[in-house]
Amino acid sequence: MDDVRRRLATEREVARERLASLTGDHESIVAASLDTNADDEHDPEGATIAFERSQIGALVRQVQHHLAEIDAAEARVGAGTYGTCERCGAPVGTARLDALPAARWCISCASRRDCGA
């Protein structure tokens, strides 16, 4: 399990770096818009500024969700349930965990979940 903990720690570090970068990008966009008289609703460039802020906000939320998933995976490691599907109890699978270290579900259950099951 030490290898799993290291992989999750690496995932966390990469996600934190991404979050810091996105936060810096957002702050730059906000600062740049403060220096102008851009009116998002009426200025032709305003729509672009609003879109960029919205896009970065969505990416920030995505990274925050990934960090929460890493926390949950670390809790499963501690509980001894890491690598076990939360839905059916089958093994998640080594290849899936290699690709997505925070995976909660086996491929079969993840496919059903994506389809609304």
N, C-alpha and C. Protein backbone atom coordinates (compact mmCIF):
# COMPACT_ATOMS: atom_id res chain seq x y z
N MET A 1 0.81 -1.20 0.00
CA MET A 1 0.00 0.00 0.00
C MET A 1 0.86 1.28 0.00
N ASP A 2 2.13 1.15 0.31
CA ASP A 2 2.99 2.34 0.25
C ASP A 2 3.07 2.89 -1.16
N ASP A 3 3.10 1.99 -2.15
CA ASP A 3 3.13 2.43 -3.54
C ASP A 3 1.85 3.20 -3.88
N VAL A 4 0.72 2.72 -3.41
CA VAL A 4 -0.56 3.39 -3.65
C VAL A 4 -0.54 4.76 -2.99
N ARG A 5 -0.08 4.83 -1.76
CA ARG A 5 -0.02 6.13 -1.06
C ARG A 5 0.88 7.11 -1.81
N ARG A 6 2.00 6.62 -2.33
CA ARG A 6 2.90 7.50 -3.10
C ARG A 6 2.22 7.99 -4.38
N ARG A 7 1.53 7.09 -5.07
CA ARG A 7 0.82 7.49 -6.30
C ARG A 7 -0.26 8.52 -6.00
N LEU A 8 -1.00 8.32 -4.92
CA LEU A 8 -2.03 9.29 -4.55
C LEU A 8 -1.41 10.61 -4.15
N ALA A 9 -0.27 10.57 -3.46
CA ALA A 9 0.42 11.81 -3.08
C ALA A 9 0.89 12.56 -4.33
N THR A 10 1.38 11.81 -5.32
CA THR A 10 1.80 12.43 -6.58
C THR A 10 0.60 13.05 -7.29
N GLU A 11 -0.51 12.32 -7.33
CA GLU A 11 -1.75 12.85 -7.94
C GLU A 11 -2.17 14.15 -7.24
N ARG A 12 -2.09 14.14 -5.90
CA ARG A 12 -2.47 15.33 -5.13
C ARG A 12 -1.56 16.51 -5.47
N GLU A 13 -0.27 16.28 -5.56
CA GLU A 13 0.67 17.36 -5.85
C GLU A 13 0.42 17.95 -7.24
N VAL A 14 0.21 17.09 -8.21
CA VAL A 14 -0.08 17.56 -9.57
C VAL A 14 -1.37 18.38 -9.57
N ALA A 15 -2.39 17.90 -8.87
CA ALA A 15 -3.67 18.62 -8.81
C ALA A 15 -3.51 19.97 -8.11
N ARG A 16 -2.75 20.00 -7.05
CA ARG A 16 -2.53 21.28 -6.34
C ARG A 16 -1.78 22.27 -7.22
N GLU A 17 -0.79 21.79 -7.96
CA GLU A 17 -0.06 22.68 -8.88
C GLU A 17 -0.99 23.21 -9.95
N ARG A 18 -1.85 22.35 -10.47
CA ARG A 18 -2.83 22.77 -11.49
C ARG A 18 -3.79 23.81 -10.90
N LEU A 19 -4.24 23.58 -9.68
CA LEU A 19 -5.15 24.51 -9.02
C LEU A 19 -4.48 25.87 -8.82
N ALA A 20 -3.23 25.86 -8.40
CA ALA A 20 -2.50 27.12 -8.21
C ALA A 20 -2.36 27.86 -9.53
N SER A 21 -2.08 27.14 -10.59
CA SER A 21 -1.94 27.75 -11.91
C SER A 21 -3.27 28.36 -12.36
N LEU A 22 -4.34 27.61 -12.20
CA LEU A 22 -5.66 28.11 -12.60
C LEU A 22 -6.07 29.31 -11.77
N THR A 23 -5.78 29.28 -10.49
CA THR A 23 -6.11 30.40 -9.63
C THR A 23 -5.35 31.64 -10.07
N GLY A 24 -4.08 31.47 -10.41
CA GLY A 24 -3.28 32.60 -10.91
C GLY A 24 -3.84 33.13 -12.22
N ASP A 25 -4.27 32.22 -13.11
CA ASP A 25 -4.87 32.64 -14.37
C ASP A 25 -6.14 33.44 -14.12
N HIS A 26 -6.96 32.98 -13.20
CA HIS A 26 -8.22 33.67 -12.89
C HIS A 26 -7.93 35.06 -12.34
N GLU A 27 -6.97 35.13 -11.43
CA GLU A 27 -6.63 36.43 -10.84
C GLU A 27 -6.10 37.38 -11.91
N SER A 28 -5.35 36.88 -12.87
CA SER A 28 -4.83 37.71 -13.96
C SER A 28 -5.97 38.25 -14.82
N ILE A 29 -6.94 37.41 -15.11
CA ILE A 29 -8.07 37.85 -15.93
C ILE A 29 -8.88 38.91 -15.18
N VAL A 30 -9.11 38.67 -13.91
CA VAL A 30 -9.87 39.64 -13.12
C VAL A 30 -9.11 40.95 -13.04
N ALA A 31 -7.81 40.90 -12.78
CA ALA A 31 -7.00 42.12 -12.70
C ALA A 31 -7.00 42.87 -14.02
N ALA A 32 -6.88 42.15 -15.11
CA ALA A 32 -6.88 42.80 -16.43
C ALA A 32 -8.22 43.46 -16.72
N SER A 33 -9.30 42.82 -16.30
CA SER A 33 -10.62 43.41 -16.56
C SER A 33 -10.87 44.63 -15.68
N LEU A 34 -10.22 44.70 -14.54
CA LEU A 34 -10.37 45.87 -13.67
C LEU A 34 -9.71 47.11 -14.27
N ASP A 35 -8.71 46.89 -15.10
CA ASP A 35 -7.98 48.00 -15.71
C ASP A 35 -8.69 48.57 -16.94
N THR A 36 -9.81 47.97 -17.30
CA THR A 36 -10.55 48.46 -18.46
C THR A 36 -11.95 48.87 -18.05
N ASN A 37 -12.63 49.48 -18.97
CA ASN A 37 -14.03 49.82 -18.73
C ASN A 37 -14.95 48.78 -19.34
N ALA A 38 -14.45 47.58 -19.47
CA ALA A 38 -15.21 46.51 -20.12
C ALA A 38 -16.50 46.24 -19.38
N ASP A 39 -17.56 46.25 -20.11
CA ASP A 39 -18.88 45.90 -19.62
C ASP A 39 -19.22 44.57 -20.27
N ASP A 40 -19.21 43.49 -19.49
CA ASP A 40 -19.39 42.16 -20.05
C ASP A 40 -20.62 42.05 -20.95
N GLU A 41 -21.65 42.79 -20.62
CA GLU A 41 -22.90 42.66 -21.36
C GLU A 41 -22.90 43.46 -22.66
N HIS A 42 -22.25 44.63 -22.67
CA HIS A 42 -22.35 45.52 -23.82
C HIS A 42 -21.07 45.69 -24.63
N ASP A 43 -19.94 45.35 -24.05
CA ASP A 43 -18.67 45.47 -24.75
C ASP A 43 -18.40 44.21 -25.56
N PRO A 44 -18.01 44.34 -26.83
CA PRO A 44 -17.71 43.15 -27.63
C PRO A 44 -16.67 42.24 -27.00
N GLU A 45 -15.72 42.81 -26.27
CA GLU A 45 -14.70 41.99 -25.62
C GLU A 45 -15.19 41.43 -24.30
N GLY A 46 -16.26 41.98 -23.77
CA GLY A 46 -16.79 41.54 -22.48
C GLY A 46 -17.20 40.08 -22.48
N ALA A 47 -17.80 39.64 -23.56
CA ALA A 47 -18.22 38.24 -23.64
C ALA A 47 -17.02 37.31 -23.55
N THR A 48 -15.92 37.69 -24.16
CA THR A 48 -14.71 36.88 -24.11
C THR A 48 -14.17 36.82 -22.68
N ILE A 49 -14.15 37.95 -22.01
CA ILE A 49 -13.67 37.99 -20.63
C ILE A 49 -14.56 37.13 -19.74
N ALA A 50 -15.86 37.26 -19.89
CA ALA A 50 -16.79 36.47 -19.08
C ALA A 50 -16.62 34.98 -19.37
N PHE A 51 -16.45 34.64 -20.65
CA PHE A 51 -16.25 33.24 -21.02
C PHE A 51 -14.98 32.68 -20.38
N GLU A 52 -13.90 33.45 -20.44
CA GLU A 52 -12.63 32.98 -19.86
C GLU A 52 -12.77 32.78 -18.36
N ARG A 53 -13.42 33.70 -17.68
CA ARG A 53 -13.63 33.55 -16.24
C ARG A 53 -14.46 32.31 -15.95
N SER A 54 -15.50 32.11 -16.72
CA SER A 54 -16.37 30.96 -16.54
C SER A 54 -15.63 29.65 -16.80
N GLN A 55 -14.84 29.63 -17.85
CA GLN A 55 -14.08 28.43 -18.21
C GLN A 55 -13.08 28.08 -17.11
N ILE A 56 -12.36 29.07 -16.63
CA ILE A 56 -11.39 28.80 -15.56
C ILE A 56 -12.10 28.37 -14.29
N GLY A 57 -13.24 28.98 -14.01
CA GLY A 57 -14.02 28.57 -12.83
C GLY A 57 -14.42 27.11 -12.91
N ALA A 58 -14.84 26.67 -14.08
CA ALA A 58 -15.22 25.27 -14.26
C ALA A 58 -14.02 24.35 -14.07
N LEU A 59 -12.87 24.75 -14.59
CA LEU A 59 -11.66 23.93 -14.43
C LEU A 59 -11.23 23.88 -12.97
N VAL A 60 -11.38 24.98 -12.24
CA VAL A 60 -11.05 24.99 -10.81
C VAL A 60 -11.96 24.00 -10.07
N ARG A 61 -13.26 24.03 -10.36
CA ARG A 61 -14.18 23.10 -9.71
C ARG A 61 -13.83 21.65 -10.04
N GLN A 62 -13.39 21.39 -11.26
CA GLN A 62 -13.00 20.05 -11.67
C GLN A 62 -11.78 19.58 -10.86
N VAL A 63 -10.80 20.43 -10.69
CA VAL A 63 -9.60 20.07 -9.92
C VAL A 63 -9.97 19.88 -8.45
N GLN A 64 -10.83 20.73 -7.91
CA GLN A 64 -11.26 20.58 -6.52
C GLN A 64 -11.98 19.25 -6.32
N HIS A 65 -12.80 18.85 -7.29
CA HIS A 65 -13.48 17.56 -7.22
C HIS A 65 -12.45 16.42 -7.24
N HIS A 66 -11.44 16.55 -8.09
CA HIS A 66 -10.39 15.52 -8.16
C HIS A 66 -9.66 15.41 -6.82
N LEU A 67 -9.38 16.55 -6.18
CA LEU A 67 -8.73 16.52 -4.87
C LEU A 67 -9.62 15.80 -3.84
N ALA A 68 -10.92 16.02 -3.91
CA ALA A 68 -11.84 15.33 -3.00
C ALA A 68 -11.83 13.83 -3.27
N GLU A 69 -11.74 13.45 -4.54
CA GLU A 69 -11.67 12.03 -4.89
C GLU A 69 -10.37 11.40 -4.37
N ILE A 70 -9.28 12.15 -4.40
CA ILE A 70 -8.01 11.65 -3.85
C ILE A 70 -8.15 11.46 -2.34
N ASP A 71 -8.78 12.42 -1.65
CA ASP A 71 -9.04 12.28 -0.22
C ASP A 71 -9.82 11.00 0.07
N ALA A 72 -10.86 10.76 -0.73
CA ALA A 72 -11.69 9.57 -0.54
C ALA A 72 -10.88 8.29 -0.80
N ALA A 73 -10.01 8.33 -1.80
CA ALA A 73 -9.16 7.17 -2.08
C ALA A 73 -8.21 6.90 -0.92
N GLU A 74 -7.65 7.96 -0.35
CA GLU A 74 -6.76 7.79 0.80
C GLU A 74 -7.51 7.20 1.99
N ALA A 75 -8.76 7.62 2.15
CA ALA A 75 -9.58 7.05 3.23
C ALA A 75 -9.83 5.56 2.99
N ARG A 76 -10.05 5.18 1.72
CA ARG A 76 -10.24 3.76 1.41
C ARG A 76 -8.97 2.96 1.68
N VAL A 77 -7.81 3.57 1.41
CA VAL A 77 -6.55 2.89 1.72
C VAL A 77 -6.50 2.62 3.22
N GLY A 78 -6.80 3.64 4.01
CA GLY A 78 -6.78 3.49 5.46
C GLY A 78 -7.78 2.47 5.98
N ALA A 79 -8.93 2.39 5.31
CA ALA A 79 -9.98 1.45 5.72
C ALA A 79 -9.76 0.04 5.19
N GLY A 80 -8.77 -0.10 4.28
CA GLY A 80 -8.50 -1.42 3.70
C GLY A 80 -9.44 -1.79 2.57
N THR A 81 -10.16 -0.81 2.01
CA THR A 81 -11.11 -1.10 0.93
C THR A 81 -10.66 -0.53 -0.41
N TYR A 82 -9.46 0.03 -0.46
CA TYR A 82 -8.96 0.58 -1.73
C TYR A 82 -8.84 -0.54 -2.75
N GLY A 83 -9.30 -0.28 -3.96
CA GLY A 83 -9.22 -1.28 -5.02
C GLY A 83 -10.43 -2.19 -5.09
N THR A 84 -11.42 -1.95 -4.21
CA THR A 84 -12.65 -2.72 -4.23
C THR A 84 -13.77 -1.80 -4.70
N CYS A 85 -14.54 -2.26 -5.66
CA CYS A 85 -15.64 -1.47 -6.22
C CYS A 85 -16.65 -1.13 -5.13
N GLU A 86 -17.00 0.14 -5.02
CA GLU A 86 -17.96 0.57 -4.02
C GLU A 86 -19.39 0.13 -4.34
N ARG A 87 -19.62 -0.26 -5.57
CA ARG A 87 -20.97 -0.64 -5.97
C ARG A 87 -21.21 -2.14 -5.86
N CYS A 88 -20.30 -2.93 -6.44
CA CYS A 88 -20.54 -4.39 -6.49
C CYS A 88 -19.58 -5.20 -5.62
N GLY A 89 -18.51 -4.58 -5.12
CA GLY A 89 -17.57 -5.29 -4.26
C GLY A 89 -16.49 -6.06 -5.00
N ALA A 90 -16.51 -6.04 -6.33
CA ALA A 90 -15.48 -6.72 -7.12
C ALA A 90 -14.21 -5.88 -7.15
N PRO A 91 -13.09 -6.48 -7.52
CA PRO A 91 -11.86 -5.69 -7.66
C PRO A 91 -12.02 -4.63 -8.75
N VAL A 92 -11.49 -3.45 -8.49
CA VAL A 92 -11.54 -2.36 -9.48
C VAL A 92 -10.66 -2.70 -10.67
N GLY A 93 -9.56 -3.34 -10.43
CA GLY A 93 -8.66 -3.75 -11.50
C GLY A 93 -7.40 -2.91 -11.52
N THR A 94 -6.27 -3.57 -11.65
CA THR A 94 -4.98 -2.91 -11.62
C THR A 94 -4.82 -1.89 -12.74
N ALA A 95 -5.22 -2.25 -13.95
CA ALA A 95 -5.07 -1.33 -15.08
C ALA A 95 -5.90 -0.06 -14.85
N ARG A 96 -7.11 -0.22 -14.33
CA ARG A 96 -7.96 0.95 -14.06
C ARG A 96 -7.34 1.81 -12.97
N LEU A 97 -6.83 1.21 -11.92
CA LEU A 97 -6.21 1.97 -10.83
C LEU A 97 -4.91 2.63 -11.29
N ASP A 98 -4.21 2.00 -12.23
CA ASP A 98 -3.01 2.63 -12.79
C ASP A 98 -3.39 3.90 -13.55
N ALA A 99 -4.50 3.84 -14.28
CA ALA A 99 -4.94 4.98 -15.07
C ALA A 99 -5.64 6.03 -14.21
N LEU A 100 -6.43 5.58 -13.23
CA LEU A 100 -7.20 6.47 -12.35
C LEU A 100 -7.01 6.02 -10.90
N PRO A 101 -5.95 6.45 -10.25
CA PRO A 101 -5.66 5.95 -8.90
C PRO A 101 -6.78 6.19 -7.88
N ALA A 102 -7.66 7.15 -8.13
CA ALA A 102 -8.74 7.42 -7.19
C ALA A 102 -10.05 6.74 -7.59
N ALA A 103 -10.01 5.81 -8.54
CA ALA A 103 -11.23 5.16 -9.04
C ALA A 103 -11.98 4.47 -7.91
N ARG A 104 -13.29 4.68 -7.89
CA ARG A 104 -14.17 4.07 -6.88
C ARG A 104 -14.84 2.80 -7.38
N TRP A 105 -15.01 2.69 -8.71
CA TRP A 105 -15.81 1.63 -9.29
C TRP A 105 -15.01 0.82 -10.31
N CYS A 106 -15.41 -0.43 -10.46
CA CYS A 106 -14.85 -1.27 -11.52
C CYS A 106 -15.38 -0.72 -12.86
N ILE A 107 -14.80 -1.17 -13.95
CA ILE A 107 -15.21 -0.70 -15.29
C ILE A 107 -16.70 -0.94 -15.53
N SER A 108 -17.18 -2.11 -15.17
CA SER A 108 -18.58 -2.45 -15.41
C SER A 108 -19.52 -1.50 -14.68
N CYS A 109 -19.26 -1.26 -13.41
CA CYS A 109 -20.12 -0.37 -12.63
C CYS A 109 -19.95 1.08 -13.05
N ALA A 110 -18.76 1.48 -13.40
CA ALA A 110 -18.53 2.85 -13.86
C ALA A 110 -19.31 3.09 -15.16
N SER A 111 -19.35 2.10 -16.02
CA SER A 111 -20.09 2.23 -17.28
C SER A 111 -21.59 2.36 -17.00
N ARG A 112 -22.11 1.58 -16.09
CA ARG A 112 -23.53 1.67 -15.75
C ARG A 112 -23.84 2.99 -15.07
N ARG A 113 -22.95 3.46 -14.22
CA ARG A 113 -23.15 4.71 -13.50
C ARG A 113 -23.22 5.88 -14.48
N ASP A 114 -22.33 5.87 -15.49
CA ASP A 114 -22.33 6.93 -16.50
C ASP A 114 -23.62 6.93 -17.31
N CYS A 115 -24.26 5.78 -17.38
CA CYS A 115 -25.50 5.68 -18.16
C CYS A 115 -26.71 5.97 -17.30
N GLY A 116 -26.50 6.43 -16.08
CA GLY A 116 -27.62 6.80 -15.21
C GLY A 116 -28.08 5.70 -14.27
N ALA A 117 -27.38 4.58 -14.25
CA ALA A 117 -27.79 3.48 -13.36
C ALA A 117 -27.38 3.72 -11.94
